[in-house]
Amino acid sequence: MEFVSEKELAAKAADGKDEPVDDRPLYFRLKEVRDKAQAEKDEQFALKNQFRGIDEDESEFLDKISQFND
């Protein structure tokens, strides 16, 4: 057993505050994590994120094809 003085306890308390305690049941905490992960996955695969603009190389290629066909 180790002796701890009041000064050490006060210094430890002043250094940093404890993390807030989450009193919710584990089921609800895990559900929140799962829902957040699912929302991020849905956003990643959303239809609006499936399309991108044409970059410079693709634009040049399409211009050359257009000129070739004319």
N, C-alpha and C. Protein backbone atom coordinates (compact mmCIF):
# COMPACT_ATOMS: atom_id res chain seq x y z
N MET A 1 0.85 -1.16 0.00
CA MET A 1 0.00 0.00 0.00
C MET A 1 0.90 1.23 0.00
N GLU A 2 0.52 2.22 -0.80
CA GLU A 2 1.35 3.40 -0.96
C GLU A 2 0.64 4.62 -0.38
N PHE A 3 1.38 5.41 0.36
CA PHE A 3 0.83 6.62 0.97
C PHE A 3 0.76 7.74 -0.06
N VAL A 4 -0.39 8.43 -0.11
CA VAL A 4 -0.58 9.56 -1.01
C VAL A 4 -1.01 10.75 -0.17
N SER A 5 -0.29 11.84 -0.30
CA SER A 5 -0.62 13.02 0.50
C SER A 5 -1.77 13.79 -0.15
N GLU A 6 -2.36 14.68 0.63
CA GLU A 6 -3.45 15.51 0.12
C GLU A 6 -2.95 16.44 -0.98
N LYS A 7 -1.71 16.89 -0.86
CA LYS A 7 -1.14 17.77 -1.88
C LYS A 7 -1.05 17.05 -3.22
N GLU A 8 -0.62 15.80 -3.19
CA GLU A 8 -0.53 15.02 -4.42
C GLU A 8 -1.91 14.81 -5.04
N LEU A 9 -2.90 14.54 -4.20
CA LEU A 9 -4.26 14.37 -4.70
C LEU A 9 -4.80 15.66 -5.30
N ALA A 10 -4.53 16.78 -4.64
CA ALA A 10 -4.99 18.08 -5.14
C ALA A 10 -4.29 18.41 -6.45
N ALA A 11 -2.99 18.12 -6.54
CA ALA A 11 -2.24 18.39 -7.76
C ALA A 11 -2.76 17.53 -8.91
N LYS A 12 -3.06 16.29 -8.61
CA LYS A 12 -3.58 15.39 -9.63
C LYS A 12 -4.94 15.86 -10.11
N ALA A 13 -5.78 16.32 -9.20
CA ALA A 13 -7.11 16.82 -9.56
C ALA A 13 -7.00 18.10 -10.37
N ALA A 14 -6.01 18.94 -10.07
CA ALA A 14 -5.84 20.21 -10.78
C ALA A 14 -5.24 20.00 -12.17
N ASP A 15 -4.46 18.93 -12.35
CA ASP A 15 -3.81 18.67 -13.64
C ASP A 15 -4.82 18.44 -14.75
N GLY A 16 -5.78 17.65 -14.50
CA GLY A 16 -6.75 17.35 -15.53
C GLY A 16 -8.03 16.86 -14.91
N LYS A 17 -9.09 17.18 -15.57
CA LYS A 17 -10.38 16.75 -15.06
C LYS A 17 -10.66 15.34 -15.57
N ASP A 18 -11.40 14.61 -14.79
CA ASP A 18 -11.77 13.27 -15.20
C ASP A 18 -12.72 13.34 -16.39
N GLU A 19 -12.71 12.30 -17.19
CA GLU A 19 -13.63 12.23 -18.31
C GLU A 19 -15.05 12.12 -17.79
N PRO A 20 -15.99 12.70 -18.50
CA PRO A 20 -17.37 12.60 -18.04
C PRO A 20 -17.83 11.15 -18.05
N VAL A 21 -18.61 10.81 -17.07
CA VAL A 21 -19.10 9.44 -16.93
C VAL A 21 -20.36 9.29 -17.75
N ASP A 22 -20.40 8.26 -18.56
CA ASP A 22 -21.58 7.96 -19.37
C ASP A 22 -22.37 6.87 -18.65
N ASP A 23 -23.51 7.25 -18.11
CA ASP A 23 -24.30 6.31 -17.31
C ASP A 23 -25.27 5.49 -18.15
N ARG A 24 -25.24 5.67 -19.46
CA ARG A 24 -26.16 4.91 -20.30
C ARG A 24 -25.74 3.44 -20.32
N PRO A 25 -26.70 2.56 -20.56
CA PRO A 25 -26.35 1.14 -20.68
C PRO A 25 -25.42 0.91 -21.86
N LEU A 26 -24.65 -0.15 -21.77
CA LEU A 26 -23.68 -0.48 -22.82
C LEU A 26 -24.35 -0.63 -24.18
N TYR A 27 -25.55 -1.20 -24.20
CA TYR A 27 -26.28 -1.39 -25.45
C TYR A 27 -26.44 -0.07 -26.20
N PHE A 28 -26.84 0.99 -25.50
CA PHE A 28 -27.07 2.27 -26.14
C PHE A 28 -25.77 2.93 -26.58
N ARG A 29 -24.71 2.76 -25.81
CA ARG A 29 -23.41 3.32 -26.21
C ARG A 29 -22.89 2.63 -27.46
N LEU A 30 -23.00 1.30 -27.50
CA LEU A 30 -22.55 0.56 -28.68
C LEU A 30 -23.42 0.85 -29.89
N LYS A 31 -24.72 1.00 -29.66
CA LYS A 31 -25.64 1.32 -30.76
C LYS A 31 -25.27 2.67 -31.37
N GLU A 32 -24.92 3.63 -30.53
CA GLU A 32 -24.52 4.95 -31.03
C GLU A 32 -23.28 4.83 -31.92
N VAL A 33 -22.31 4.03 -31.50
CA VAL A 33 -21.08 3.84 -32.28
C VAL A 33 -21.42 3.16 -33.61
N ARG A 34 -22.27 2.12 -33.56
CA ARG A 34 -22.66 1.42 -34.79
C ARG A 34 -23.40 2.35 -35.74
N ASP A 35 -24.33 3.14 -35.21
CA ASP A 35 -25.10 4.05 -36.05
C ASP A 35 -24.19 5.10 -36.70
N LYS A 36 -23.22 5.59 -35.95
CA LYS A 36 -22.29 6.58 -36.50
C LYS A 36 -21.46 5.96 -37.62
N ALA A 37 -20.98 4.74 -37.41
CA ALA A 37 -20.18 4.05 -38.44
C ALA A 37 -21.03 3.79 -39.68
N GLN A 38 -22.28 3.40 -39.48
CA GLN A 38 -23.18 3.14 -40.61
C GLN A 38 -23.46 4.43 -41.38
N ALA A 39 -23.64 5.53 -40.68
CA ALA A 39 -23.89 6.82 -41.34
C ALA A 39 -22.68 7.24 -42.17
N GLU A 40 -21.48 7.03 -41.66
CA GLU A 40 -20.27 7.36 -42.42
C GLU A 40 -20.16 6.47 -43.66
N LYS A 41 -20.49 5.20 -43.51
CA LYS A 41 -20.45 4.28 -44.65
C LYS A 41 -21.49 4.67 -45.69
N ASP A 42 -22.69 5.02 -45.26
CA ASP A 42 -23.74 5.44 -46.19
C ASP A 42 -23.33 6.70 -46.94
N GLU A 43 -22.70 7.64 -46.25
CA GLU A 43 -22.26 8.87 -46.88
C GLU A 43 -21.17 8.58 -47.92
N GLN A 44 -20.31 7.65 -47.61
CA GLN A 44 -19.22 7.30 -48.53
C GLN A 44 -19.77 6.72 -49.83
N PHE A 45 -20.82 5.92 -49.74
CA PHE A 45 -21.36 5.26 -50.91
C PHE A 45 -22.61 5.94 -51.47
N ALA A 46 -22.91 7.14 -51.00
CA ALA A 46 -24.07 7.87 -51.50
C ALA A 46 -23.88 8.17 -52.98
N LEU A 47 -24.99 8.25 -53.69
CA LEU A 47 -24.94 8.45 -55.14
C LEU A 47 -24.24 9.76 -55.49
N LYS A 48 -24.44 10.79 -54.68
CA LYS A 48 -23.82 12.08 -55.00
C LYS A 48 -22.30 12.02 -54.94
N ASN A 49 -21.75 11.04 -54.22
CA ASN A 49 -20.29 10.92 -54.10
C ASN A 49 -19.69 9.98 -55.14
N GLN A 50 -20.53 9.40 -55.99
CA GLN A 50 -20.05 8.45 -56.97
C GLN A 50 -19.53 9.13 -58.24
N PHE A 51 -19.82 10.40 -58.41
CA PHE A 51 -19.42 11.11 -59.62
C PHE A 51 -18.36 12.15 -59.30
N ARG A 52 -17.44 12.32 -60.23
CA ARG A 52 -16.41 13.33 -60.05
C ARG A 52 -16.27 14.09 -61.36
N GLY A 53 -15.62 15.20 -61.31
CA GLY A 53 -15.42 16.01 -62.50
C GLY A 53 -14.34 15.43 -63.39
N ILE A 54 -14.24 15.97 -64.59
CA ILE A 54 -13.22 15.54 -65.54
C ILE A 54 -11.94 16.30 -65.24
N ASP A 55 -10.82 15.57 -65.15
CA ASP A 55 -9.56 16.25 -64.89
C ASP A 55 -8.95 16.74 -66.20
N GLU A 56 -7.81 17.39 -66.12
CA GLU A 56 -7.20 18.03 -67.29
C GLU A 56 -6.80 17.02 -68.36
N ASP A 57 -6.23 15.89 -67.97
CA ASP A 57 -5.82 14.88 -68.95
C ASP A 57 -7.02 14.31 -69.69
N GLU A 58 -8.09 14.05 -68.98
CA GLU A 58 -9.29 13.53 -69.63
C GLU A 58 -9.88 14.56 -70.59
N SER A 59 -9.82 15.82 -70.19
CA SER A 59 -10.33 16.89 -71.04
C SER A 59 -9.53 16.98 -72.34
N GLU A 60 -8.22 16.91 -72.25
CA GLU A 60 -7.37 16.94 -73.44
C GLU A 60 -7.66 15.75 -74.34
N PHE A 61 -7.83 14.58 -73.76
CA PHE A 61 -8.13 13.39 -74.54
C PHE A 61 -9.45 13.55 -75.28
N LEU A 62 -10.46 14.04 -74.60
CA LEU A 62 -11.76 14.22 -75.24
C LEU A 62 -11.70 15.28 -76.34
N ASP A 63 -10.89 16.32 -76.15
CA ASP A 63 -10.71 17.33 -77.20
C ASP A 63 -10.06 16.72 -78.43
N LYS A 64 -9.06 15.87 -78.23
CA LYS A 64 -8.39 15.22 -79.36
C LYS A 64 -9.35 14.30 -80.10
N ILE A 65 -10.16 13.57 -79.38
CA ILE A 65 -11.15 12.69 -80.01
C ILE A 65 -12.16 13.51 -80.79
N SER A 66 -12.57 14.62 -80.22
CA SER A 66 -13.52 15.51 -80.89
C SER A 66 -12.93 16.06 -82.18
N GLN A 67 -11.67 16.48 -82.16
CA GLN A 67 -11.01 17.01 -83.35
C GLN A 67 -10.81 15.91 -84.39
N PHE A 68 -10.52 14.71 -83.94
CA PHE A 68 -10.31 13.59 -84.84
C PHE A 68 -11.60 13.24 -85.58
N ASN A 69 -12.72 13.32 -84.90
CA ASN A 69 -14.02 12.98 -85.50
C ASN A 69 -14.51 14.07 -86.45
N ASP A 70 -14.02 15.30 -86.32
CA ASP A 70 -14.48 16.39 -87.19
C ASP A 70 -13.81 16.37 -88.49
